[in-house]
PDB file of N, CA and C in Angstrom:
ATOM      1  N   MET A   1     122.540  57.859  90.021  1.00  0.00           N
ATOM      2  CA  MET A   1     121.337  58.155  90.763  1.00  0.00           C
ATOM      3  C   MET A   1     120.992  59.630  90.569  1.00  0.00           C
ATOM      4  N   GLU A   2     119.754  59.894  90.268  1.00  0.00           N
ATOM      5  CA  GLU A   2     119.310  61.275  90.086  1.00  0.00           C
ATOM      6  C   GLU A   2     119.126  61.951  91.434  1.00  0.00           C
ATOM      7  N   GLN A   3     119.463  63.222  91.484  1.00  0.00           N
ATOM      8  CA  GLN A   3     119.325  63.980  92.716  1.00  0.00           C
ATOM      9  C   GLN A   3     118.011  64.745  92.676  1.00  0.00           C
ATOM     10  N   GLN A   4     117.250  64.691  93.770  1.00  0.00           N
ATOM     11  CA  GLN A   4     115.977  65.380  93.834  1.00  0.00           C
ATOM     12  C   GLN A   4     116.206  66.861  94.132  1.00  0.00           C
ATOM     13  N   LEU A   5     115.504  67.709  93.402  1.00  0.00           N
ATOM     14  CA  LEU A   5     115.589  69.145  93.611  1.00  0.00           C
ATOM     15  C   LEU A   5     114.784  69.514  94.843  1.00  0.00           C
ATOM     16  N   GLN A   6     115.397  70.241  95.776  1.00  0.00           N
ATOM     17  CA  GLN A   6     114.698  70.677  96.973  1.00  0.00           C
ATOM     18  C   GLN A   6     114.510  72.182  96.909  1.00  0.00           C
ATOM     19  N   LEU A   7     113.303  72.623  97.211  1.00  0.00           N
ATOM     20  CA  LEU A   7     112.998  74.040  97.229  1.00  0.00           C
ATOM     21  C   LEU A   7     112.718  74.477  98.654  1.00  0.00           C
ATOM     22  N   SER A   8     113.364  75.539  99.083  1.00  0.00           N
ATOM     23  CA  SER A   8     113.087  76.075 100.407  1.00  0.00           C
ATOM     24  C   SER A   8     111.808  76.893 100.344  1.00  0.00           C
ATOM     25  N   LEU A   9     111.271  77.226 101.505  1.00  0.00           N
ATOM     26  CA  LEU A   9     110.068  78.044 101.564  1.00  0.00           C
ATOM     27  C   LEU A   9     110.311  79.395 100.914  1.00  0.00           C
ATOM     28  N   GLU A  10     111.502  79.955 101.104  1.00  0.00           N
ATOM     29  CA  GLU A  10     111.806  81.253 100.513  1.00  0.00           C
ATOM     30  C   GLU A  10     111.859  81.176  98.990  1.00  0.00           C
ATOM     31  N   SER A  11     112.410  80.136  98.419  1.00  0.00           N
ATOM     32  CA  SER A  11     112.492  80.048  96.962  1.00  0.00           C
ATOM     33  C   SER A  11     111.117  79.819  96.360  1.00  0.00           C
ATOM     34  N   ARG A  12     110.246  79.091  97.041  1.00  0.00           N
ATOM     35  CA  ARG A  12     108.891  78.878  96.532  1.00  0.00           C
ATOM     36  C   ARG A  12     108.092  80.171  96.566  1.00  0.00           C
ATOM     37  N   ALA A  13     108.365  81.070  97.506  1.00  0.00           N
ATOM     38  CA  ALA A  13     107.625  82.321  97.625  1.00  0.00           C
ATOM     39  C   ALA A  13     107.756  83.163  96.357  1.00  0.00           C
ATOM     40  N   ARG A  14     108.889  83.072  95.682  1.00  0.00           N
ATOM     41  CA  ARG A  14     109.097  83.856  94.458  1.00  0.00           C
ATOM     42  C   ARG A  14     108.209  83.370  93.322  1.00  0.00           C
ATOM     43  N   LEU A  15     107.685  82.164  93.426  1.00  0.00           N
ATOM     44  CA  LEU A  15     106.894  81.587  92.354  1.00  0.00           C
ATOM     45  C   LEU A  15     105.396  81.800  92.522  1.00  0.00           C
ATOM     46  N   LEU A  16     104.965  82.254  93.683  1.00  0.00           N
ATOM     47  CA  LEU A  16     103.540  82.347  93.982  1.00  0.00           C
ATOM     48  C   LEU A  16     102.958  83.692  93.579  1.00  0.00           C
ATOM     49  N   SER A  17     101.693  83.682  93.186  1.00  0.00           N
ATOM     50  CA  SER A  17     100.993  84.934  92.908  1.00  0.00           C
ATOM     51  C   SER A  17     100.570  85.559  94.234  1.00  0.00           C
ATOM     52  N   ALA A  18     100.135  86.803  94.195  1.00  0.00           N
ATOM     53  CA  ALA A  18      99.660  87.473  95.409  1.00  0.00           C
ATOM     54  C   ALA A  18      98.474  86.723  96.005  1.00  0.00           C
ATOM     55  N   ASP A  19      97.586  86.204  95.180  1.00  0.00           N
ATOM     56  CA  ASP A  19      96.436  85.437  95.675  1.00  0.00           C
ATOM     57  C   ASP A  19      96.874  84.167  96.393  1.00  0.00           C
ATOM     58  N   GLU A  20      97.857  83.482  95.854  1.00  0.00           N
ATOM     59  CA  GLU A  20      98.358  82.256  96.480  1.00  0.00           C
ATOM     60  C   GLU A  20      99.060  82.559  97.803  1.00  0.00           C
ATOM     61  N   ILE A  21      99.794  83.649  97.858  1.00  0.00           N
ATOM     62  CA  ILE A  21     100.445  84.055  99.100  1.00  0.00           C
ATOM     63  C   ILE A  21      99.392  84.335 100.164  1.00  0.00           C
ATOM     64  N   TYR A  22      98.331  85.029  99.784  1.00  0.00           N
ATOM     65  CA  TYR A  22      97.261  85.354 100.731  1.00  0.00           C
ATOM     66  C   TYR A  22      96.626  84.087 101.305  1.00  0.00           C
ATOM     67  N   LYS A  23      96.379  83.114 100.457  1.00  0.00           N
ATOM     68  CA  LYS A  23      95.755  81.867 100.911  1.00  0.00           C
ATOM     69  C   LYS A  23      96.641  81.108 101.893  1.00  0.00           C
ATOM     70  N   LEU A  24      97.951  81.247 101.778  1.00  0.00           N
ATOM     71  CA  LEU A  24      98.898  80.544 102.633  1.00  0.00           C
ATOM     72  C   LEU A  24      99.316  81.346 103.863  1.00  0.00           C
ATOM     73  N   SER A  25      98.838  82.577 103.980  1.00  0.00           N
ATOM     74  CA  SER A  25      99.378  83.460 105.015  1.00  0.00           C
ATOM     75  C   SER A  25      99.056  82.999 106.431  1.00  0.00           C
ATOM     76  N   ASP A  26     100.087  82.931 107.226  1.00  0.00           N
ATOM     77  CA  ASP A  26     100.025  82.740 108.665  1.00  0.00           C
ATOM     78  C   ASP A  26     101.266  83.429 109.215  1.00  0.00           C
ATOM     79  N   PRO A  27     101.352  83.654 110.526  1.00  0.00           N
ATOM     80  CA  PRO A  27     102.477  84.437 111.052  1.00  0.00           C
ATOM     81  C   PRO A  27     103.859  83.913 110.651  1.00  0.00           C
ATOM     82  N   ASP A  28     104.076  82.616 110.699  1.00  0.00           N
ATOM     83  CA  ASP A  28     105.398  82.085 110.349  1.00  0.00           C
ATOM     84  C   ASP A  28     105.717  82.291 108.875  1.00  0.00           C
ATOM     85  N   TRP A  29     104.739  82.108 108.025  1.00  0.00           N
ATOM     86  CA  TRP A  29     104.899  82.300 106.584  1.00  0.00           C
ATOM     87  C   TRP A  29     105.217  83.763 106.278  1.00  0.00           C
ATOM     88  N   LEU A  30     104.469  84.689 106.900  1.00  0.00           N
ATOM     89  CA  LEU A  30     104.665  86.107 106.620  1.00  0.00           C
ATOM     90  C   LEU A  30     106.051  86.589 107.033  1.00  0.00           C
ATOM     91  N   LYS A  31     106.623  86.027 108.095  1.00  0.00           N
ATOM     92  CA  LYS A  31     107.964  86.422 108.523  1.00  0.00           C
ATOM     93  C   LYS A  31     109.009  86.134 107.444  1.00  0.00           C
ATOM     94  N   LEU A  32     108.788  85.097 106.652  1.00  0.00           N
ATOM     95  CA  LEU A  32     109.762  84.701 105.631  1.00  0.00           C
ATOM     96  C   LEU A  32     109.681  85.533 104.353  1.00  0.00           C
ATOM     97  N   LEU A  33     108.531  86.110 104.095  1.00  0.00           N
ATOM     98  CA  LEU A  33     108.345  86.858 102.853  1.00  0.00           C
ATOM     99  C   LEU A  33     109.116  88.169 102.875  1.00  0.00           C
ATOM    100  N   LYS A  34     109.717  88.465 101.776  1.00  0.00           N
ATOM    101  CA  LYS A  34     110.399  89.746 101.598  1.00  0.00           C
ATOM    102  C   LYS A  34     109.491  90.660 100.778  1.00  0.00           C
ATOM    103  N   GLU A  35     109.647  91.952 100.950  1.00  0.00           N
ATOM    104  CA  GLU A  35     108.863  92.883 100.145  1.00  0.00           C
ATOM    105  C   GLU A  35     109.294  92.785  98.691  1.00  0.00           C
ATOM    106  N   ASP A  36     108.310  92.780  97.825  1.00  0.00           N
ATOM    107  CA  ASP A  36     108.562  92.823  96.386  1.00  0.00           C
ATOM    108  C   ASP A  36     107.302  93.359  95.726  1.00  0.00           C
ATOM    109  N   GLY A  37     107.111  93.100  94.462  1.00  0.00           N
ATOM    110  CA  GLY A  37     105.946  93.609  93.749  1.00  0.00           C
ATOM    111  C   GLY A  37     104.636  93.001  94.180  1.00  0.00           C
ATOM    112  N   ARG A  38     104.674  91.976  95.030  1.00  0.00           N
ATOM    113  CA  ARG A  38     103.456  91.312  95.499  1.00  0.00           C
ATOM    114  C   ARG A  38     103.158  91.543  96.961  1.00  0.00           C
ATOM    115  N   VAL A  39     104.161  91.901  97.747  1.00  0.00           N
ATOM    116  CA  VAL A  39     104.018  91.975  99.201  1.00  0.00           C
ATOM    117  C   VAL A  39     104.581  93.296  99.726  1.00  0.00           C
ATOM    118  N   GLU A  40     103.830  93.950 100.597  1.00  0.00           N
ATOM    119  CA  GLU A  40     104.280  95.160 101.292  1.00  0.00           C
ATOM    120  C   GLU A  40     104.140  94.926 102.783  1.00  0.00           C
ATOM    121  N   ARG A  41     105.196  95.164 103.547  1.00  0.00           N
ATOM    122  CA  ARG A  41     105.148  95.112 105.005  1.00  0.00           C
ATOM    123  C   ARG A  41     104.887  96.519 105.527  1.00  0.00           C
ATOM    124  N   LYS A  42     103.961  96.634 106.454  1.00  0.00           N
ATOM    125  CA  LYS A  42     103.650  97.945 107.029  1.00  0.00           C
ATOM    126  C   LYS A  42     103.506  97.829 108.539  1.00  0.00           C
ATOM    127  N   VAL A  43     103.987  98.845 109.252  1.00  0.00           N
ATOM    128  CA  VAL A  43     103.921  98.856 110.708  1.00  0.00           C
ATOM    129  C   VAL A  43     102.488  99.046 111.182  1.00  0.00           C
ATOM    130  N   VAL A  44     102.252  98.738 112.459  1.00  0.00           N
ATOM    131  CA  VAL A  44     100.904  98.785 113.028  1.00  0.00           C
ATOM    132  C   VAL A  44     100.275 100.172 112.894  1.00  0.00           C
ATOM    133  N   GLY A  45     101.010 101.232 113.158  1.00  0.00           N
ATOM    134  CA  GLY A  45     100.435 102.576 113.179  1.00  0.00           C
ATOM    135  C   GLY A  45     100.389 103.279 111.839  1.00  0.00           C
ATOM    136  N   ILE A  46     100.422 102.556 110.745  1.00  0.00           N
ATOM    137  CA  ILE A  46     100.424 103.198 109.430  1.00  0.00           C
ATOM    138  C   ILE A  46      99.136 103.999 109.211  1.00  0.00           C
ATOM    139  N   HIS A  47      99.268 105.132 108.578  1.00  0.00           N
ATOM    140  CA  HIS A  47      98.119 106.001 108.327  1.00  0.00           C
ATOM    141  C   HIS A  47      97.515 105.720 106.948  1.00  0.00           C
ATOM    142  N   ALA A  48      96.263 106.060 106.812  1.00  0.00           N
ATOM    143  CA  ALA A  48      95.517 105.803 105.573  1.00  0.00           C
ATOM    144  C   ALA A  48      96.191 106.433 104.357  1.00  0.00           C
ATOM    145  N   ARG A  49      96.756 107.618 104.516  1.00  0.00           N
ATOM    146  CA  ARG A  49      97.395 108.303 103.381  1.00  0.00           C
ATOM    147  C   ARG A  49      98.554 107.469 102.837  1.00  0.00           C
ATOM    148  N   ALA A  50      99.343 106.889 103.728  1.00  0.00           N
ATOM    149  CA  ALA A  50     100.467 106.055 103.294  1.00  0.00           C
ATOM    150  C   ALA A  50      99.974 104.784 102.611  1.00  0.00           C
ATOM    151  N   LEU A  51      98.881 104.219 103.102  1.00  0.00           N
ATOM    152  CA  LEU A  51      98.308 103.028 102.471  1.00  0.00           C
ATOM    153  C   LEU A  51      97.727 103.344 101.096  1.00  0.00           C
ATOM    154  N   SER A  52      97.228 104.557 100.918  1.00  0.00           N
ATOM    155  CA  SER A  52      96.613 104.909  99.632  1.00  0.00           C
ATOM    156  C   SER A  52      97.618 104.817  98.489  1.00  0.00           C
ATOM    157  N   VAL A  53      98.879 105.072  98.764  1.00  0.00           N
ATOM    158  CA  VAL A  53      99.917 104.964  97.732  1.00  0.00           C
ATOM    159  C   VAL A  53     100.039 103.506  97.271  1.00  0.00           C
ATOM    160  N   VAL A  54     100.014 102.584  98.221  1.00  0.00           N
ATOM    161  CA  VAL A  54     100.123 101.161  97.888  1.00  0.00           C
ATOM    162  C   VAL A  54      98.880 100.696  97.141  1.00  0.00           C
ATOM    163  N   PHE A  55      97.693 101.111  97.608  1.00  0.00           N
ATOM    164  CA  PHE A  55      96.460 100.727  96.920  1.00  0.00           C
ATOM    165  C   PHE A  55      96.473 101.224  95.482  1.00  0.00           C
ATOM    166  N   SER A  56      96.915 102.456  95.293  1.00  0.00           N
ATOM    167  CA  SER A  56      96.975 103.026  93.952  1.00  0.00           C
ATOM    168  C   SER A  56      97.958 102.268  93.072  1.00  0.00           C
ATOM    169  N   MET A  57      99.107 101.907  93.630  1.00  0.00           N
ATOM    170  CA  MET A  57     100.116 101.167  92.875  1.00  0.00           C
ATOM    171  C   MET A  57      99.527  99.848  92.375  1.00  0.00           C
ATOM    172  N   TRP A  58      98.881  99.104  93.277  1.00  0.00           N
ATOM    173  CA  TRP A  58      98.362  97.791  92.897  1.00  0.00           C
ATOM    174  C   TRP A  58      97.108  97.879  92.032  1.00  0.00           C
ATOM    175  N   ALA A  59      96.372  98.968  92.120  1.00  0.00           N
ATOM    176  CA  ALA A  59      95.216  99.138  91.241  1.00  0.00           C
ATOM    177  C   ALA A  59      95.660  99.247  89.786  1.00  0.00           C
ATOM    178  N   ASN A  60      96.908  99.693  89.600  1.00  0.00           N
ATOM    179  CA  ASN A  60      97.442  99.853  88.247  1.00  0.00           C
ATOM    180  C   ASN A  60      98.404  98.729  87.864  1.00  0.00           C
ATOM    181  N   THR A  61      98.420  97.649  88.636  1.00  0.00           N
ATOM    182  CA  THR A  61      99.305  96.519  88.381  1.00  0.00           C
ATOM    183  C   THR A  61      98.481  95.302  87.983  1.00  0.00           C
ATOM    184  N   ALA A  62      98.475  95.000  86.720  1.00  0.00           N
ATOM    185  CA  ALA A  62      97.718  93.836  86.251  1.00  0.00           C
ATOM    186  C   ALA A  62      98.576  92.591  86.362  1.00  0.00           C
ATOM    187  N   PRO A  63      98.046  91.424  86.529  1.00  0.00           N
ATOM    188  CA  PRO A  63      96.630  91.157  86.763  1.00  0.00           C
ATOM    189  C   PRO A  63      96.296  90.925  88.227  1.00  0.00           C
ATOM    190  N   HIS A  64      97.314  90.786  89.117  1.00  0.00           N
ATOM    191  CA  HIS A  64      97.014  90.270  90.453  1.00  0.00           C
ATOM    192  C   HIS A  64      97.113  91.250  91.610  1.00  0.00           C
ATOM    193  N   GLY A  65      97.685  92.410  91.444  1.00  0.00           N
ATOM    194  CA  GLY A  65      97.826  93.315  92.572  1.00  0.00           C
ATOM    195  C   GLY A  65      98.816  92.796  93.585  1.00  0.00           C
ATOM    196  N   GLY A  66      98.482  92.918  94.876  1.00  0.00           N
ATOM    197  CA  GLY A  66      99.407  92.480  95.906  1.00  0.00           C
ATOM    198  C   GLY A  66      98.744  92.350  97.257  1.00  0.00           C
ATOM    199  N   MET A  67      99.564  92.138  98.272  1.00  0.00           N
ATOM    200  CA  MET A  67      99.092  91.913  99.631  1.00  0.00           C
ATOM    201  C   MET A  67      99.842  92.841 100.580  1.00  0.00           C
ATOM    202  N   ILE A  68      99.103  93.465 101.513  1.00  0.00           N
ATOM    203  CA  ILE A  68      99.707  94.316 102.528  1.00  0.00           C
ATOM    204  C   ILE A  68      99.675  93.556 103.843  1.00  0.00           C
ATOM    205  N   ALA A  69     100.821  93.383 104.453  1.00  0.00           N
ATOM    206  CA  ALA A  69     100.926  92.726 105.759  1.00  0.00           C
ATOM    207  C   ALA A  69     101.089  93.819 106.812  1.00  0.00           C
ATOM    208  N   ILE A  70      99.978  94.266 107.385  1.00  0.00           N
ATOM    209  CA  ILE A  70     100.018  95.315 108.408  1.00  0.00           C
ATOM    210  C   ILE A  70     100.355  94.671 109.745  1.00  0.00           C
ATOM    211  N   GLY A  71     101.295  95.273 110.442  1.00  0.00           N
ATOM    212  CA  GLY A  71     101.747  94.742 111.715  1.00  0.00           C
ATOM    213  C   GLY A  71     102.992  93.890 111.572  1.00  0.00           C
ATOM    214  N   LEU A  72     103.636  94.010 110.420  1.00  0.00           N
ATOM    215  CA  LEU A  72     104.858  93.254 110.152  1.00  0.00           C
ATOM    216  C   LEU A  72     105.978  94.262 109.854  1.00  0.00           C
ATOM    217  N   ALA A  73     106.978  94.275 110.712  1.00  0.00           N
ATOM    218  CA  ALA A  73     108.094  95.215 110.556  1.00  0.00           C
ATOM    219  C   ALA A  73     108.959  94.838 109.355  1.00  0.00           C
ATOM    220  N   ASP A  74     109.795  95.764 108.929  1.00  0.00           N
ATOM    221  CA  ASP A  74     110.670  95.530 107.785  1.00  0.00           C
ATOM    222  C   ASP A  74     111.618  94.353 108.003  1.00  0.00           C
ATOM    223  N   ASN A  75     111.953  94.069 109.264  1.00  0.00           N
ATOM    224  CA  ASN A  75     112.849  92.940 109.552  1.00  0.00           C
ATOM    225  C   ASN A  75     112.099  91.614 109.685  1.00  0.00           C
ATOM    226  N   GLY A  76     110.779  91.618 109.494  1.00  0.00           N
ATOM    227  CA  GLY A  76     109.992  90.394 109.555  1.00  0.00           C
ATOM    228  C   GLY A  76     109.378  90.100 110.902  1.00  0.00           C
ATOM    229  N   GLU A  77     109.663  90.917 111.912  1.00  0.00           N
ATOM    230  CA  GLU A  77     109.079  90.701 113.238  1.00  0.00           C
ATOM    231  C   GLU A  77     107.613  91.131 113.258  1.00  0.00           C
ATOM    232  N   ILE A  78     106.805  90.342 113.910  1.00  0.00           N
ATOM    233  CA  ILE A  78     105.376  90.668 114.028  1.00  0.00           C
ATOM    234  C   ILE A  78     105.199  91.664 115.153  1.00  0.00           C
ATOM    235  N   GLU A  79     104.540  92.787 114.837  1.00  0.00           N
ATOM    236  CA  GLU A  79     104.335  93.865 115.800  1.00  0.00           C
ATOM    237  C   GLU A  79     102.939  93.851 116.391  1.00  0.00           C
ATOM    238  N   GLY A  80     102.005  93.284 115.706  1.00  0.00           N
ATOM    239  CA  GLY A  80     100.635  93.316 116.233  1.00  0.00           C
ATOM    240  C   GLY A  80      99.674  92.649 115.302  1.00  0.00           C
TER     241      GLY A  80
END
């Protein structure tokens, strides 16, 4: 008997583009995502200067850029 391959939500996240992650985003989904080349977690009080570094990074990252989750702490807790 063949065994069916099961993928967890975390393993599927590694396969999605930044656009696909954005389309699926909801609070429970965002808690599971780890920061990588597609996703940045930022606290509620982040200043524009700090965000400009991320915008600049993704402006130079072809082809998809990334997604900033503002109000999501580094540990995945939703702050606001």
